[in-house]
């Protein structure tokens, strides 16, 4: 039986590691539609730790931030998405934008 050289062993290790990573799949995205009190709405997409909102023809990637009373807010530079029990509220540039938003499912 032939012994592997160091470079050959490294090559096989890389092949095995890469094939293991290739079989890992990205988390499936969950998309939820919301409709708000004024009839407008938005789409919220979550996949693992990533959250994005599609609103008014724009798409924003959001990051989680602790909110008031143990709730979680989602924010980016110009947008804030807050959940209050079963409703959501959207602020843009620090001003109310959409209120009383509920999931359509």
PDB file of N, CA and C in Angstrom:
ATOM      1  N   UNK A   1       0.830  -1.170   0.000  1.00  0.00           N
ATOM      2  CA  UNK A   1       0.000   0.000   0.000  1.00  0.00           C
ATOM      3  C   UNK A   1       0.885   1.249   0.000  1.00  0.00           C
ATOM      4  N   UNK A   2       0.616   2.175  -0.923  1.00  0.00           N
ATOM      5  CA  UNK A   2       1.412   3.391  -1.041  1.00  0.00           C
ATOM      6  C   UNK A   2       0.997   4.400   0.019  1.00  0.00           C
ATOM      7  N   UNK A   3       1.985   5.096   0.557  1.00  0.00           N
ATOM      8  CA  UNK A   3       1.704   6.148   1.521  1.00  0.00           C
ATOM      9  C   UNK A   3       1.537   7.465   0.784  1.00  0.00           C
ATOM     10  N   UNK A   4       0.630   8.314   1.280  1.00  0.00           N
ATOM     11  CA  UNK A   4       0.413   9.618   0.659  1.00  0.00           C
ATOM     12  C   UNK A   4       1.466  10.606   1.122  1.00  0.00           C
ATOM     13  N   UNK A   5       1.893  11.453   0.197  1.00  0.00           N
ATOM     14  CA  UNK A   5       2.809  12.524   0.557  1.00  0.00           C
ATOM     15  C   UNK A   5       2.003  13.617   1.247  1.00  0.00           C
ATOM     16  N   UNK A   6       2.696  14.552   1.870  1.00  0.00           N
ATOM     17  CA  UNK A   6       2.031  15.648   2.586  1.00  0.00           C
ATOM     18  C   UNK A   6       1.137  16.477   1.692  1.00  0.00           C
ATOM     19  N   UNK A   7       1.599  16.786   0.478  1.00  0.00           N
ATOM     20  CA  UNK A   7       0.791  17.618  -0.421  1.00  0.00           C
ATOM     21  C   UNK A   7      -0.435  16.858  -0.923  1.00  0.00           C
ATOM     22  N   UNK A   8      -0.257  15.554  -1.144  1.00  0.00           N
ATOM     23  CA  UNK A   8      -1.398  14.756  -1.591  1.00  0.00           C
ATOM     24  C   UNK A   8      -2.441  14.626  -0.482  1.00  0.00           C
ATOM     25  N   UNK A   9      -1.976  14.438   0.744  1.00  0.00           N
ATOM     26  CA  UNK A   9      -2.878  14.334   1.888  1.00  0.00           C
ATOM     27  C   UNK A   9      -3.655  15.644   2.056  1.00  0.00           C
ATOM     28  N   UNK A  10      -2.960  16.777   1.895  1.00  0.00           N
ATOM     29  CA  UNK A  10      -3.598  18.082   1.991  1.00  0.00           C
ATOM     30  C   UNK A  10      -4.658  18.239   0.895  1.00  0.00           C
ATOM     31  N   UNK A  11      -4.337  17.812  -0.314  1.00  0.00           N
ATOM     32  CA  UNK A  11      -5.291  17.907  -1.424  1.00  0.00           C
ATOM     33  C   UNK A  11      -6.545  17.096  -1.134  1.00  0.00           C
ATOM     34  N   UNK A  12      -6.389  15.868  -0.642  1.00  0.00           N
ATOM     35  CA  UNK A  12      -7.553  15.034  -0.319  1.00  0.00           C
ATOM     36  C   UNK A  12      -8.359  15.631   0.826  1.00  0.00           C
ATOM     37  N   UNK A  13      -7.668  16.181   1.812  1.00  0.00           N
ATOM     38  CA  UNK A  13      -8.370  16.817   2.928  1.00  0.00           C
ATOM     39  C   UNK A  13      -9.223  17.975   2.419  1.00  0.00           C
ATOM     40  N   UNK A  14      -8.657  18.792   1.512  1.00  0.00           N
ATOM     41  CA  UNK A  14      -9.411  19.909   0.942  1.00  0.00           C
ATOM     42  C   UNK A  14     -10.602  19.423   0.132  1.00  0.00           C
ATOM     43  N   UNK A  15     -10.417  18.372  -0.663  1.00  0.00           N
ATOM     44  CA  UNK A  15     -11.517  17.824  -1.462  1.00  0.00           C
ATOM     45  C   UNK A  15     -12.636  17.333  -0.552  1.00  0.00           C
ATOM     46  N   UNK A  16     -12.285  16.603   0.492  1.00  0.00           N
ATOM     47  CA  UNK A  16     -13.309  16.099   1.412  1.00  0.00           C
ATOM     48  C   UNK A  16     -14.008  17.237   2.157  1.00  0.00           C
ATOM     49  N   UNK A  17     -13.240  18.231   2.576  1.00  0.00           N
ATOM     50  CA  UNK A  17     -13.837  19.369   3.297  1.00  0.00           C
ATOM     51  C   UNK A  17     -14.770  20.147   2.392  1.00  0.00           C
ATOM     52  N   UNK A  18     -14.341  20.404   1.156  1.00  0.00           N
ATOM     53  CA  UNK A  18     -15.179  21.158   0.225  1.00  0.00           C
ATOM     54  C   UNK A  18     -16.434  20.393  -0.159  1.00  0.00           C
ATOM     55  N   UNK A  19     -16.314  19.085  -0.336  1.00  0.00           N
ATOM     56  CA  UNK A  19     -17.505  18.314  -0.693  1.00  0.00           C
ATOM     57  C   UNK A  19     -18.480  18.289   0.477  1.00  0.00           C
ATOM     58  N   UNK A  20     -17.978  18.316   1.717  1.00  0.00           N
ATOM     59  CA  UNK A  20     -18.851  18.387   2.885  1.00  0.00           C
ATOM     60  C   UNK A  20     -19.569  19.715   2.943  1.00  0.00           C
ATOM     61  N   UNK A  21     -18.876  20.803   2.632  1.00  0.00           N
ATOM     62  CA  UNK A  21     -19.500  22.125   2.635  1.00  0.00           C
ATOM     63  C   UNK A  21     -20.504  22.262   1.501  1.00  0.00           C
ATOM     64  N   UNK A  22     -20.223  21.649   0.384  1.00  0.00           N
ATOM     65  CA  UNK A  22     -21.130  21.751  -0.756  1.00  0.00           C
ATOM     66  C   UNK A  22     -22.473  21.111  -0.451  1.00  0.00           C
ATOM     67  N   UNK A  23     -22.482  20.117   0.431  1.00  0.00           N
ATOM     68  CA  UNK A  23     -23.748  19.450   0.725  1.00  0.00           C
ATOM     69  C   UNK A  23     -24.585  20.223   1.731  1.00  0.00           C
ATOM     70  N   UNK A  24     -23.976  21.226   2.390  1.00  0.00           N
ATOM     71  CA  UNK A  24     -24.749  22.045   3.315  1.00  0.00           C
ATOM     72  C   UNK A  24     -25.632  22.988   2.517  1.00  0.00           C
ATOM     73  N   UNK A  25     -26.897  23.050   2.882  1.00  0.00           N
ATOM     74  CA  UNK A  25     -27.789  23.943   2.149  1.00  0.00           C
ATOM     75  C   UNK A  25     -28.084  25.180   2.978  1.00  0.00           C
ATOM     76  N   UNK A  26     -28.323  26.262   2.295  1.00  0.00           N
ATOM     77  CA  UNK A  26     -28.693  27.500   2.960  1.00  0.00           C
ATOM     78  C   UNK A  26     -30.095  27.339   3.544  1.00  0.00           C
ATOM     79  N   UNK A  27     -30.381  28.024   4.653  1.00  0.00           N
ATOM     80  CA  UNK A  27     -31.722  27.910   5.226  1.00  0.00           C
ATOM     81  C   UNK A  27     -32.776  28.396   4.229  1.00  0.00           C
ATOM     82  N   UNK A  28     -33.896  27.703   4.200  1.00  0.00           N
ATOM     83  CA  UNK A  28     -34.978  28.078   3.297  1.00  0.00           C
ATOM     84  C   UNK A  28     -35.584  29.396   3.750  1.00  0.00           C
ATOM     85  N   UNK A  29     -35.815  30.283   2.808  1.00  0.00           N
ATOM     86  CA  UNK A  29     -36.383  31.598   3.128  1.00  0.00           C
ATOM     87  C   UNK A  29     -37.875  31.470   3.397  1.00  0.00           C
ATOM     88  N   UNK A  30     -38.329  32.159   4.423  1.00  0.00           N
ATOM     89  CA  UNK A  30     -39.738  32.221   4.769  1.00  0.00           C
ATOM     90  C   UNK A  30     -40.210  33.626   4.453  1.00  0.00           C
ATOM     91  N   UNK A  31     -41.182  33.753   3.566  1.00  0.00           N
ATOM     92  CA  UNK A  31     -41.705  35.055   3.170  1.00  0.00           C
ATOM     93  C   UNK A  31     -43.106  35.237   3.737  1.00  0.00           C
ATOM     94  N   UNK A  32     -43.327  36.393   4.387  1.00  0.00           N
ATOM     95  CA  UNK A  32     -44.626  36.713   4.966  1.00  0.00           C
ATOM     96  C   UNK A  32     -45.083  38.051   4.425  1.00  0.00           C
ATOM     97  N   UNK A  33     -46.302  38.097   3.939  1.00  0.00           N
ATOM     98  CA  UNK A  33     -46.901  39.338   3.436  1.00  0.00           C
ATOM     99  C   UNK A  33     -47.659  40.018   4.568  1.00  0.00           C
ATOM    100  N   UNK A  34     -47.578  41.340   4.621  1.00  0.00           N
ATOM    101  CA  UNK A  34     -48.296  42.129   5.620  1.00  0.00           C
ATOM    102  C   UNK A  34     -49.140  43.185   4.923  1.00  0.00           C
ATOM    103  N   UNK A  35     -50.319  43.463   5.468  1.00  0.00           N
ATOM    104  CA  UNK A  35     -51.157  44.553   4.995  1.00  0.00           C
ATOM    105  C   UNK A  35     -51.397  45.472   6.193  1.00  0.00           C
ATOM    106  N   UNK A  36     -51.387  46.767   5.929  1.00  0.00           N
ATOM    107  CA  UNK A  36     -51.440  47.751   7.005  1.00  0.00           C
ATOM    108  C   UNK A  36     -52.773  48.511   6.995  1.00  0.00           C
ATOM    109  N   UNK A  37     -52.995  49.313   8.025  1.00  0.00           N
ATOM    110  CA  UNK A  37     -54.267  50.011   8.218  1.00  0.00           C
ATOM    111  C   UNK A  37     -54.654  50.871   7.017  1.00  0.00           C
ATOM    112  N   UNK A  38     -53.685  51.460   6.335  1.00  0.00           N
ATOM    113  CA  UNK A  38     -54.005  52.328   5.190  1.00  0.00           C
ATOM    114  C   UNK A  38     -54.123  51.553   3.871  1.00  0.00           C
ATOM    115  N   UNK A  39     -54.047  50.225   3.927  1.00  0.00           N
ATOM    116  CA  UNK A  39     -54.176  49.401   2.723  1.00  0.00           C
ATOM    117  C   UNK A  39     -52.859  49.065   2.051  1.00  0.00           C
ATOM    118  N   UNK A  40     -51.794  49.770   2.406  1.00  0.00           N
ATOM    119  CA  UNK A  40     -50.466  49.458   1.868  1.00  0.00           C
ATOM    120  C   UNK A  40     -49.935  48.220   2.565  1.00  0.00           C
ATOM    121  N   UNK A  41     -48.832  47.722   2.075  1.00  0.00           N
ATOM    122  CA  UNK A  41     -48.264  46.541   2.699  1.00  0.00           C
ATOM    123  C   UNK A  41     -46.796  46.381   2.401  1.00  0.00           C
ATOM    124  N   UNK A  42     -46.243  45.275   2.869  1.00  0.00           N
ATOM    125  CA  UNK A  42     -44.841  44.959   2.631  1.00  0.00           C
ATOM    126  C   UNK A  42     -44.657  43.457   2.752  1.00  0.00           C
ATOM    127  N   UNK A  43     -43.486  43.007   2.344  1.00  0.00           N
ATOM    128  CA  UNK A  43     -43.122  41.592   2.394  1.00  0.00           C
ATOM    129  C   UNK A  43     -41.887  41.473   3.286  1.00  0.00           C
ATOM    130  N   UNK A  44     -41.947  40.550   4.227  1.00  0.00           N
ATOM    131  CA  UNK A  44     -40.830  40.296   5.122  1.00  0.00           C
ATOM    132  C   UNK A  44     -40.271  38.922   4.814  1.00  0.00           C
ATOM    133  N   UNK A  45     -38.963  38.839   4.617  1.00  0.00           N
ATOM    134  CA  UNK A  45     -38.306  37.581   4.274  1.00  0.00           C
ATOM    135  C   UNK A  45     -37.256  37.259   5.324  1.00  0.00           C
ATOM    136  N   UNK A  46     -37.337  36.053   5.883  1.00  0.00           N
ATOM    137  CA  UNK A  46     -36.341  35.611   6.852  1.00  0.00           C
ATOM    138  C   UNK A  46     -35.731  34.300   6.375  1.00  0.00           C
ATOM    139  N   UNK A  47     -34.435  34.179   6.560  1.00  0.00           N
ATOM    140  CA  UNK A  47     -33.698  32.956   6.216  1.00  0.00           C
ATOM    141  C   UNK A  47     -32.568  32.834   7.211  1.00  0.00           C
ATOM    142  N   UNK A  48     -32.716  31.924   8.165  1.00  0.00           N
ATOM    143  CA  UNK A  48     -31.710  31.816   9.213  1.00  0.00           C
ATOM    144  C   UNK A  48     -31.682  33.091  10.029  1.00  0.00           C
ATOM    145  N   UNK A  49     -30.518  33.711  10.118  1.00  0.00           N
ATOM    146  CA  UNK A  49     -30.372  34.961  10.868  1.00  0.00           C
ATOM    147  C   UNK A  49     -30.597  36.202  10.013  1.00  0.00           C
ATOM    148  N   UNK A  50     -30.794  36.028   8.716  1.00  0.00           N
ATOM    149  CA  UNK A  50     -30.959  37.163   7.809  1.00  0.00           C
ATOM    150  C   UNK A  50     -32.428  37.551   7.687  1.00  0.00           C
ATOM    151  N   UNK A  51     -32.692  38.854   7.745  1.00  0.00           N
ATOM    152  CA  UNK A  51     -34.049  39.382   7.594  1.00  0.00           C
ATOM    153  C   UNK A  51     -34.003  40.522   6.586  1.00  0.00           C
ATOM    154  N   UNK A  52     -34.972  40.534   5.669  1.00  0.00           N
ATOM    155  CA  UNK A  52     -35.060  41.604   4.679  1.00  0.00           C
ATOM    156  C   UNK A  52     -36.519  42.011   4.535  1.00  0.00           C
ATOM    157  N   UNK A  53     -36.741  43.273   4.185  1.00  0.00           N
ATOM    158  CA  UNK A  53     -38.083  43.785   3.949  1.00  0.00           C
ATOM    159  C   UNK A  53     -38.135  44.380   2.551  1.00  0.00           C
ATOM    160  N   UNK A  54     -39.217  44.076   1.839  1.00  0.00           N
ATOM    161  CA  UNK A  54     -39.486  44.704   0.545  1.00  0.00           C
ATOM    162  C   UNK A  54     -40.681  45.610   0.767  1.00  0.00           C
ATOM    163  N   UNK A  55     -40.470  46.909   0.524  1.00  0.00           N
ATOM    164  CA  UNK A  55     -41.500  47.888   0.814  1.00  0.00           C
ATOM    165  C   UNK A  55     -41.391  49.046  -0.166  1.00  0.00           C
ATOM    166  N   UNK A  56     -42.503  49.459  -0.739  1.00  0.00           N
ATOM    167  CA  UNK A  56     -42.549  50.595  -1.664  1.00  0.00           C
ATOM    168  C   UNK A  56     -41.515  50.487  -2.771  1.00  0.00           C
ATOM    169  N   UNK A  57     -41.322  49.286  -3.310  1.00  0.00           N
ATOM    170  CA  UNK A  57     -40.390  49.081  -4.410  1.00  0.00           C
ATOM    171  C   UNK A  57     -38.929  49.054  -3.993  1.00  0.00           C
ATOM    172  N   UNK A  58     -38.670  49.055  -2.690  1.00  0.00           N
ATOM    173  CA  UNK A  58     -37.297  49.038  -2.183  1.00  0.00           C
ATOM    174  C   UNK A  58     -37.086  47.780  -1.345  1.00  0.00           C
ATOM    175  N   UNK A  59     -35.832  47.367  -1.246  1.00  0.00           N
ATOM    176  CA  UNK A  59     -35.492  46.195  -0.421  1.00  0.00           C
ATOM    177  C   UNK A  59     -34.405  46.609   0.561  1.00  0.00           C
ATOM    178  N   UNK A  60     -34.636  46.308   1.838  1.00  0.00           N
ATOM    179  CA  UNK A  60     -33.690  46.644   2.890  1.00  0.00           C
ATOM    180  C   UNK A  60     -33.311  45.383   3.651  1.00  0.00           C
ATOM    181  N   UNK A  61     -32.047  45.233   3.929  1.00  0.00           N
ATOM    182  CA  UNK A  61     -31.579  44.150   4.794  1.00  0.00           C
ATOM    183  C   UNK A  61     -31.597  44.709   6.212  1.00  0.00           C
ATOM    184  N   UNK A  62     -32.201  43.973   7.129  1.00  0.00           N
ATOM    185  CA  UNK A  62     -32.389  44.452   8.494  1.00  0.00           C
ATOM    186  C   UNK A  62     -31.550  43.651   9.478  1.00  0.00           C
ATOM    187  N   UNK A  63     -31.230  44.266  10.590  1.00  0.00           N
ATOM    188  CA  UNK A  63     -30.551  43.561  11.676  1.00  0.00           C
ATOM    189  C   UNK A  63     -31.417  43.667  12.930  1.00  0.00           C
ATOM    190  N   UNK A  64     -31.350  42.627  13.758  1.00  0.00           N
ATOM    191  CA  UNK A  64     -32.139  42.595  14.988  1.00  0.00           C
ATOM    192  C   UNK A  64     -31.558  43.552  16.012  1.00  0.00           C
ATOM    193  N   UNK A  65     -32.470  44.137  16.783  1.00  0.00           N
ATOM    194  CA  UNK A  65     -32.076  45.036  17.858  1.00  0.00           C
ATOM    195  C   UNK A  65     -33.088  44.872  18.988  1.00  0.00           C
ATOM    196  N   UNK A  66     -32.634  44.751  20.232  1.00  0.00           N
ATOM    197  CA  UNK A  66     -33.597  44.621  21.325  1.00  0.00           C
ATOM    198  C   UNK A  66     -34.539  45.819  21.347  1.00  0.00           C
ATOM    199  N   UNK A  67     -35.814  45.553  21.507  1.00  0.00           N
ATOM    200  CA  UNK A  67     -36.811  46.615  21.548  1.00  0.00           C
ATOM    201  C   UNK A  67     -37.309  46.858  22.959  1.00  0.00           C
ATOM    202  N   UNK A  68     -38.334  47.648  23.082  1.00  0.00           N
ATOM    203  CA  UNK A  68     -38.933  47.979  24.371  1.00  0.00           C
ATOM    204  C   UNK A  68     -39.774  46.806  24.862  1.00  0.00           C
ATOM    205  N   UNK A  69     -39.712  46.519  26.141  1.00  0.00           N
ATOM    206  CA  UNK A  69     -40.544  45.482  26.735  1.00  0.00           C
ATOM    207  C   UNK A  69     -40.225  44.077  26.259  1.00  0.00           C
ATOM    208  N   UNK A  70     -38.981  43.816  25.901  1.00  0.00           N
ATOM    209  CA  UNK A  70     -38.596  42.480  25.477  1.00  0.00           C
ATOM    210  C   UNK A  70     -38.932  42.154  24.033  1.00  0.00           C
ATOM    211  N   UNK A  71     -39.546  43.067  23.329  1.00  0.00           N
ATOM    212  CA  UNK A  71     -39.844  42.847  21.912  1.00  0.00           C
ATOM    213  C   UNK A  71     -38.561  43.008  21.097  1.00  0.00           C
ATOM    214  N   UNK A  72     -38.580  42.524  19.860  1.00  0.00           N
ATOM    215  CA  UNK A  72     -37.437  42.663  18.963  1.00  0.00           C
ATOM    216  C   UNK A  72     -37.785  43.635  17.852  1.00  0.00           C
ATOM    217  N   UNK A  73     -36.903  44.590  17.625  1.00  0.00           N
ATOM    218  CA  UNK A  73     -37.033  45.506  16.496  1.00  0.00           C
ATOM    219  C   UNK A  73     -36.052  45.055  15.423  1.00  0.00           C
ATOM    220  N   UNK A  74     -36.329  45.416  14.184  1.00  0.00           N
ATOM    221  CA  UNK A  74     -35.429  45.157  13.066  1.00  0.00           C
ATOM    222  C   UNK A  74     -35.115  46.513  12.451  1.00  0.00           C
ATOM    223  N   UNK A  75     -33.846  46.804  12.260  1.00  0.00           N
ATOM    224  CA  UNK A  75     -33.448  48.138  11.836  1.00  0.00           C
ATOM    225  C   UNK A  75     -32.412  48.096  10.717  1.00  0.00           C
ATOM    226  N   UNK A  76     -32.349  49.205   9.993  1.00  0.00           N
ATOM    227  CA  UNK A  76     -31.239  49.516   9.097  1.00  0.00           C
ATOM    228  C   UNK A  76     -31.048  51.029   9.228  1.00  0.00           C
ATOM    229  N   UNK A  77     -30.274  51.626   8.370  1.00  0.00           N
ATOM    230  CA  UNK A  77     -29.965  53.045   8.531  1.00  0.00           C
ATOM    231  C   UNK A  77     -31.196  53.950   8.509  1.00  0.00           C
ATOM    232  N   UNK A  78     -32.155  53.672   7.645  1.00  0.00           N
ATOM    233  CA  UNK A  78     -33.292  54.588   7.516  1.00  0.00           C
ATOM    234  C   UNK A  78     -34.641  53.973   7.880  1.00  0.00           C
ATOM    235  N   UNK A  79     -34.677  52.713   8.264  1.00  0.00           N
ATOM    236  CA  UNK A  79     -35.946  52.034   8.497  1.00  0.00           C
ATOM    237  C   UNK A  79     -35.923  51.286   9.817  1.00  0.00           C
ATOM    238  N   UNK A  80     -37.072  51.282  10.498  1.00  0.00           N
ATOM    239  CA  UNK A  80     -37.221  50.512  11.731  1.00  0.00           C
ATOM    240  C   UNK A  80     -38.540  49.759  11.659  1.00  0.00           C
ATOM    241  N   UNK A  81     -38.489  48.470  11.915  1.00  0.00           N
ATOM    242  CA  UNK A  81     -39.666  47.603  11.918  1.00  0.00           C
ATOM    243  C   UNK A  81     -39.848  47.107  13.345  1.00  0.00           C
ATOM    244  N   UNK A  82     -41.008  47.413  13.948  1.00  0.00           N
ATOM    245  CA  UNK A  82     -41.274  47.029  15.341  1.00  0.00           C
ATOM    246  C   UNK A  82     -42.497  46.144  15.397  1.00  0.00           C
ATOM    247  N   UNK A  83     -42.440  45.150  16.268  1.00  0.00           N
ATOM    248  CA  UNK A  83     -43.567  44.242  16.471  1.00  0.00           C
ATOM    249  C   UNK A  83     -44.174  44.530  17.839  1.00  0.00           C
ATOM    250  N   UNK A  84     -45.493  44.643  17.874  1.00  0.00           N
ATOM    251  CA  UNK A  84     -46.232  44.810  19.118  1.00  0.00           C
ATOM    252  C   UNK A  84     -47.319  43.746  19.125  1.00  0.00           C
ATOM    253  N   UNK A  85     -47.067  42.662  19.811  1.00  0.00           N
ATOM    254  CA  UNK A  85     -47.924  41.470  19.824  1.00  0.00           C
ATOM    255  C   UNK A  85     -48.098  40.942  18.404  1.00  0.00           C
ATOM    256  N   UNK A  86     -49.270  41.105  17.815  1.00  0.00           N
ATOM    257  CA  UNK A  86     -49.514  40.543  16.474  1.00  0.00           C
ATOM    258  C   UNK A  86     -49.543  41.600  15.375  1.00  0.00           C
ATOM    259  N   UNK A  87     -49.120  42.826  15.673  1.00  0.00           N
ATOM    260  CA  UNK A  87     -49.061  43.862  14.642  1.00  0.00           C
ATOM    261  C   UNK A  87     -47.633  44.382  14.491  1.00  0.00           C
ATOM    262  N   UNK A  88     -47.365  44.944  13.320  1.00  0.00           N
ATOM    263  CA  UNK A  88     -46.054  45.513  13.027  1.00  0.00           C
ATOM    264  C   UNK A  88     -46.235  46.993  12.708  1.00  0.00           C
ATOM    265  N   UNK A  89     -45.167  47.756  12.940  1.00  0.00           N
ATOM    266  CA  UNK A  89     -45.150  49.181  12.614  1.00  0.00           C
ATOM    267  C   UNK A  89     -43.839  49.478  11.892  1.00  0.00           C
ATOM    268  N   UNK A  90     -43.887  50.306  10.874  1.00  0.00           N
ATOM    269  CA  UNK A  90     -42.695  50.670  10.110  1.00  0.00           C
ATOM    270  C   UNK A  90     -42.472  52.173  10.247  1.00  0.00           C
ATOM    271  N   UNK A  91     -41.243  52.545  10.564  1.00  0.00           N
ATOM    272  CA  UNK A  91     -40.829  53.946  10.584  1.00  0.00           C
ATOM    273  C   UNK A  91     -39.743  54.132   9.536  1.00  0.00           C
ATOM    274  N   UNK A  92     -39.796  55.247   8.825  1.00  0.00           N
ATOM    275  CA  UNK A  92     -38.737  55.600   7.868  1.00  0.00           C
ATOM    276  C   UNK A  92     -38.195  56.948   8.275  1.00  0.00           C
ATOM    277  N   UNK A  93     -36.894  57.041   8.350  1.00  0.00           N
ATOM    278  CA  UNK A  93     -36.209  58.271   8.774  1.00  0.00           C
ATOM    279  C   UNK A  93     -36.775  58.801  10.078  1.00  0.00           C
ATOM    280  N   UNK A  94     -37.113  57.910  11.009  1.00  0.00           N
ATOM    281  CA  UNK A  94     -37.583  58.310  12.320  1.00  0.00           C
ATOM    282  C   UNK A  94     -39.039  58.740  12.391  1.00  0.00           C
ATOM    283  N   UNK A  95     -39.761  58.664  11.272  1.00  0.00           N
ATOM    284  CA  UNK A  95     -41.178  59.061  11.245  1.00  0.00           C
ATOM    285  C   UNK A  95     -42.061  57.863  10.946  1.00  0.00           C
ATOM    286  N   UNK A  96     -43.282  57.832  11.520  1.00  0.00           N
ATOM    287  CA  UNK A  96     -44.208  56.737  11.211  1.00  0.00           C
ATOM    288  C   UNK A  96     -44.451  56.649   9.704  1.00  0.00           C
ATOM    289  N   UNK A  97     -44.432  55.436   9.178  1.00  0.00           N
ATOM    290  CA  UNK A  97     -44.646  55.215   7.749  1.00  0.00           C
ATOM    291  C   UNK A  97     -45.846  54.297   7.528  1.00  0.00           C
ATOM    292  N   UNK A  98     -45.864  53.140   8.181  1.00  0.00           N
ATOM    293  CA  UNK A  98     -47.000  52.218   8.125  1.00  0.00           C
ATOM    294  C   UNK A  98     -47.314  51.743   9.537  1.00  0.00           C
ATOM    295  N   UNK A  99     -48.597  51.606   9.847  1.00  0.00           N
ATOM    296  CA  UNK A  99     -49.005  51.216  11.198  1.00  0.00           C
ATOM    297  C   UNK A  99     -50.073  50.159  11.137  1.00  0.00           C
ATOM    298  N   UNK A 100     -50.212  49.424  12.229  1.00  0.00           N
ATOM    299  CA  UNK A 100     -51.225  48.371  12.352  1.00  0.00           C
ATOM    300  C   UNK A 100     -51.135  47.377  11.200  1.00  0.00           C
ATOM    301  N   UNK A 101     -49.946  46.881  10.942  1.00  0.00           N
ATOM    302  CA  UNK A 101     -49.709  45.924   9.854  1.00  0.00           C
ATOM    303  C   UNK A 101     -49.871  44.500  10.393  1.00  0.00           C
ATOM    304  N   UNK A 102     -50.637  43.694   9.674  1.00  0.00           N
ATOM    305  CA  UNK A 102     -50.904  42.328  10.090  1.00  0.00           C
ATOM    306  C   UNK A 102     -50.567  41.358   8.951  1.00  0.00           C
ATOM    307  N   UNK A 103     -50.145  40.178   9.363  1.00  0.00           N
ATOM    308  CA  UNK A 103     -49.839  39.121   8.407  1.00  0.00           C
ATOM    309  C   UNK A 103     -51.103  38.747   7.646  1.00  0.00           C
ATOM    310  N   UNK A 104     -50.960  38.472   6.355  1.00  0.00           N
ATOM    311  CA  UNK A 104     -52.116  38.107   5.535  1.00  0.00           C
ATOM    312  C   UNK A 104     -52.423  36.622   5.586  1.00  0.00           C
ATOM    313  N   UNK A 105     -51.629  35.812   6.279  1.00  0.00           N
ATOM    314  CA  UNK A 105     -51.938  34.391   6.367  1.00  0.00           C
ATOM    315  C   UNK A 105     -52.639  34.064   7.641  1.00  0.00           C
TER     316      UNK A 105
END
